[in-house]
Structures are given as structure tokens and as C-alpha cells.
C-alpha atoms as a PDB file:
ATOM      1  CA  MET A   1     -39.552 -56.146 -94.888  1.00  0.00           C
ATOM      2  CA  GLU A   2     -43.214 -56.328 -94.034  1.00  0.00           C
ATOM      3  CA  SER A   3     -42.485 -57.784 -90.598  1.00  0.00           C
ATOM      4  CA  LEU A   4     -40.155 -54.860 -89.838  1.00  0.00           C
ATOM      5  CA  GLU A   5     -42.845 -52.380 -90.808  1.00  0.00           C
ATOM      6  CA  VAL A   6     -45.449 -54.221 -88.708  1.00  0.00           C
ATOM      7  CA  SER A   7     -43.059 -54.199 -85.753  1.00  0.00           C
ATOM      8  CA  ALA A   8     -42.495 -50.461 -86.179  1.00  0.00           C
ATOM      9  CA  ALA A   9     -46.241 -49.771 -86.376  1.00  0.00           C
ATOM     10  CA  GLU A  10     -46.962 -51.899 -83.297  1.00  0.00           C
ATOM     11  CA  THR A  11     -44.236 -50.160 -81.310  1.00  0.00           C
ATOM     12  CA  LEU A  12     -45.361 -46.719 -82.396  1.00  0.00           C
ATOM     13  CA  THR A  13     -49.025 -47.271 -81.513  1.00  0.00           C
ATOM     14  CA  ALA A  14     -47.966 -47.781 -77.905  1.00  0.00           C
ATOM     15  CA  THR A  15     -45.762 -44.698 -77.714  1.00  0.00           C
ATOM     16  CA  ILE A  16     -46.860 -42.036 -80.220  1.00  0.00           C
ATOM     17  CA  ASP A  17     -47.734 -38.574 -78.932  1.00  0.00           C
ATOM     18  CA  SER A  18     -49.669 -35.713 -80.530  1.00  0.00           C
ATOM     19  CA  ALA A  19     -46.516 -34.298 -82.144  1.00  0.00           C
ATOM     20  CA  GLY A  20     -45.824 -37.692 -83.719  1.00  0.00           C
ATOM     21  CA  ILE A  21     -49.370 -37.917 -85.030  1.00  0.00           C
ATOM     22  CA  GLU A  22     -49.047 -34.458 -86.537  1.00  0.00           C
ATOM     23  CA  ARG A  23     -45.710 -35.394 -88.125  1.00  0.00           C
ATOM     24  CA  LEU A  24     -47.273 -38.487 -89.730  1.00  0.00           C
ATOM     25  CA  ARG A  25     -50.124 -36.372 -91.059  1.00  0.00           C
ATOM     26  CA  GLN A  26     -47.601 -33.982 -92.599  1.00  0.00           C
ATOM     27  CA  VAL A  27     -45.631 -36.805 -94.235  1.00  0.00           C
ATOM     28  CA  LEU A  28     -48.850 -38.290 -95.641  1.00  0.00           C
ATOM     29  CA  ALA A  29     -49.879 -34.880 -97.001  1.00  0.00           C
ATOM     30  CA  ASP A  30     -46.435 -34.434 -98.571  1.00  0.00           C
ATOM     31  CA  GLU A  31     -46.675 -37.880-100.178  1.00  0.00           C
ATOM     32  CA  ALA A  32     -50.151 -37.118-101.533  1.00  0.00           C
ATOM     33  CA  ALA A  33     -48.841 -33.901-103.104  1.00  0.00           C
ATOM     34  CA  ALA A  34     -45.697 -35.517-104.555  1.00  0.00           C
ATOM     35  CA  GLY A  35     -45.654 -36.174-108.264  1.00  0.00           C
ATOM     36  CA  ASP A  36     -43.032 -38.914-108.034  1.00  0.00           C
ATOM     37  CA  PHE A  37     -42.524 -41.038-104.926  1.00  0.00           C
ATOM     38  CA  ARG A  38     -39.029 -41.981-106.078  1.00  0.00           C
ATOM     39  CA  GLU A  39     -37.876 -38.444-105.302  1.00  0.00           C
ATOM     40  CA  ARG A  40     -38.958 -38.709-101.651  1.00  0.00           C
ATOM     41  CA  THR A  41     -36.350 -39.652 -99.070  1.00  0.00           C
ATOM     42  CA  VAL A  42     -38.871 -39.606 -96.208  1.00  0.00           C
ATOM     43  CA  THR A  43     -41.898 -41.839 -96.628  1.00  0.00           C
ATOM     44  CA  VAL A  44     -44.621 -42.704 -94.163  1.00  0.00           C
ATOM     45  CA  HIS A  45     -42.803 -46.023 -93.670  1.00  0.00           C
ATOM     46  CA  THR A  46     -39.475 -44.438 -92.765  1.00  0.00           C
ATOM     47  CA  GLU A  47     -41.168 -41.830 -90.586  1.00  0.00           C
ATOM     48  CA  ILE A  48     -43.050 -44.475 -88.602  1.00  0.00           C
ATOM     49  CA  ALA A  49     -39.741 -46.263 -88.013  1.00  0.00           C
ATOM     50  CA  ARG A  50     -38.018 -42.997 -87.007  1.00  0.00           C
ATOM     51  CA  LEU A  51     -40.765 -42.149 -84.549  1.00  0.00           C
ATOM     52  CA  THR A  52     -40.267 -45.489 -82.748  1.00  0.00           C
ATOM     53  CA  GLY A  53     -36.864 -44.222 -81.616  1.00  0.00           C
ATOM     54  CA  ASN A  54     -35.211 -47.429 -82.857  1.00  0.00           C
ATOM     55  CA  SER A  55     -32.438 -46.207 -85.162  1.00  0.00           C
ATOM     56  CA  VAL A  56     -31.585 -49.725 -86.376  1.00  0.00           C
ATOM     57  CA  LEU A  57     -35.191 -50.367 -87.377  1.00  0.00           C
ATOM     58  CA  GLU A  58     -35.288 -46.967 -89.072  1.00  0.00           C
ATOM     59  CA  LEU A  59     -32.131 -47.757 -91.033  1.00  0.00           C
ATOM     60  CA  PHE A  60     -33.361 -51.172 -92.210  1.00  0.00           C
ATOM     61  CA  ILE A  61     -36.702 -49.775 -93.337  1.00  0.00           C
ATOM     62  CA  HIS A  62     -35.011 -46.838 -95.054  1.00  0.00           C
ATOM     63  CA  VAL A  63     -32.605 -49.139 -96.929  1.00  0.00           C
ATOM     64  CA  GLY A  64     -35.416 -51.545 -97.839  1.00  0.00           C
ATOM     65  CA  ASN A  65     -37.546 -48.720 -99.180  1.00  0.00           C
ATOM     66  CA  ASN A  66     -34.640 -47.341-101.188  1.00  0.00           C
ATOM     67  CA  LEU A  67     -33.954 -50.748-102.710  1.00  0.00           C
ATOM     68  CA  ALA A  68     -37.623 -51.105-103.603  1.00  0.00           C
ATOM     69  CA  ARG A  69     -37.631 -47.651-105.170  1.00  0.00           C
ATOM     70  CA  LEU A  70     -34.479 -48.324-107.148  1.00  0.00           C
ATOM     71  CA  HIS A  71     -35.335 -51.816-108.298  1.00  0.00           C
ATOM     72  CA  GLY A  72     -39.111 -51.897-108.201  1.00  0.00           C
ATOM     73  CA  LEU A  73     -39.659 -48.798-110.329  1.00  0.00           C
ATOM     74  CA  ALA A  74     -37.720 -47.136-113.085  1.00  0.00           C
ATOM     75  CA  PRO A  75     -35.093 -44.923-111.424  1.00  0.00           C
ATOM     76  CA  THR A  76     -35.235 -41.154-111.751  1.00  0.00           C
ATOM     77  CA  GLU A  77     -32.565 -39.281-113.680  1.00  0.00           C
ATOM     78  CA  ASN A  78     -30.805 -38.356-110.398  1.00  0.00           C
ATOM     79  CA  GLU A  79     -30.813 -42.002-109.316  1.00  0.00           C
ATOM     80  CA  ARG A  80     -29.469 -43.068-112.714  1.00  0.00           C
ATOM     81  CA  ARG A  81     -26.573 -40.601-112.359  1.00  0.00           C
ATOM     82  CA  TRP A  82     -25.868 -41.776-108.810  1.00  0.00           C
ATOM     83  CA  LEU A  83     -25.885 -45.442-109.869  1.00  0.00           C
ATOM     84  CA  HIS A  84     -23.691 -44.661-112.875  1.00  0.00           C
ATOM     85  CA  GLU A  85     -21.150 -42.856-110.684  1.00  0.00           C
ATOM     86  CA  ARG A  86     -21.047 -45.769-108.227  1.00  0.00           C
ATOM     87  CA  GLN A  87     -20.686 -48.314-111.015  1.00  0.00           C
ATOM     88  CA  HIS A  88     -17.736 -46.469-112.544  1.00  0.00           C
ATOM     89  CA  GLY A  89     -16.145 -45.924-109.132  1.00  0.00           C
ATOM     90  CA  THR A  90     -16.345 -49.667-108.434  1.00  0.00           C
ATOM     91  CA  ARG A  91     -14.748 -50.467-111.786  1.00  0.00           C
ATOM     92  CA  ARG A  92     -11.850 -48.094-111.009  1.00  0.00           C
ATOM     93  CA  ILE A  93     -11.281 -49.826-107.654  1.00  0.00           C
ATOM     94  CA  HIS A  94     -11.214 -53.259-109.312  1.00  0.00           C
ATOM     95  CA  ARG A  95      -8.771 -52.067-112.001  1.00  0.00           C
ATOM     96  CA  ARG A  96      -6.444 -50.629-109.322  1.00  0.00           C
ATOM     97  CA  ARG A  97      -6.559 -53.883-107.372  1.00  0.00           C
ATOM     98  CA  ARG A  98      -5.745 -55.955-110.445  1.00  0.00           C
ATOM     99  CA  ARG A  99      -2.779 -53.689-111.198  1.00  0.00           C
ATOM    100  CA  SER A 100      -1.554 -53.883-107.601  1.00  0.00           C
ATOM    101  CA  GLY A 101      -1.807 -57.651-107.428  1.00  0.00           C
ATOM    102  CA  GLY A 102      -5.022 -57.688-105.392  1.00  0.00           C
ATOM    103  CA  ARG A 103      -3.841 -55.402-102.606  1.00  0.00           C
ATOM    104  CA  PRO A 104      -6.224 -52.638-101.525  1.00  0.00           C
ATOM    105  CA  HIS A 105      -5.332 -49.179-102.837  1.00  0.00           C
ATOM    106  CA  GLY A 106      -2.700 -47.512-100.692  1.00  0.00           C
ATOM    107  CA  ALA A 107      -1.532 -50.759 -99.061  1.00  0.00           C
END
């Protein structure tokens, strides 16, 4: 993950404009004012990746940050609900497949 973030920062230093610098300042200010980083979908890391213009890099950094937030810190109540819903949805899919002899639902 760190190498992706370094790559994004190196790329951005060569291409960033004044609007990009201002956007990073705003994201940093928002982070400083936030009471709980786990509630933030945009972090300075994801914004740096977005500003590079590389959507794949942005996606990987976004997913990595979300995994770190979910598994590195105690999840928020919203994240707990989301995880709970996904867990129960997965169980329903597995039950349907067992009943249908392993075929995907609707097949």
C-alpha cells in the first residue's frame, strides 16, 4: 500500500496545479476538523490518488484505506450495520445455492 501512495505522490508532484493544491488544503482542513476519521470517505491519501488522474491507482488506494479503516480500527455503527447486512446477504446466497444443488440463483 505504501508503494502505491508513494507512486501517487511522486506523480502528483510533477503535475499538480494551483487548484489541486487548494483541494489538498481543503481535504487536510476537513480531516483536521473531523472527529472520527472512519466516517470520512475522502482522505488526503485518496485525494492525492484522484488528483493524479489514474483511476486504477485511486481505486486501489481507496479500497486499501477502507480496509485499513474497517480492520485497523473499531468500525463505526454505520459500518457495523453495513457489514452485518453483507454478512447476512452472503449467508442467504449460500443457503440458496445449497438448496439448488450448487447452481447460482436463477440458473
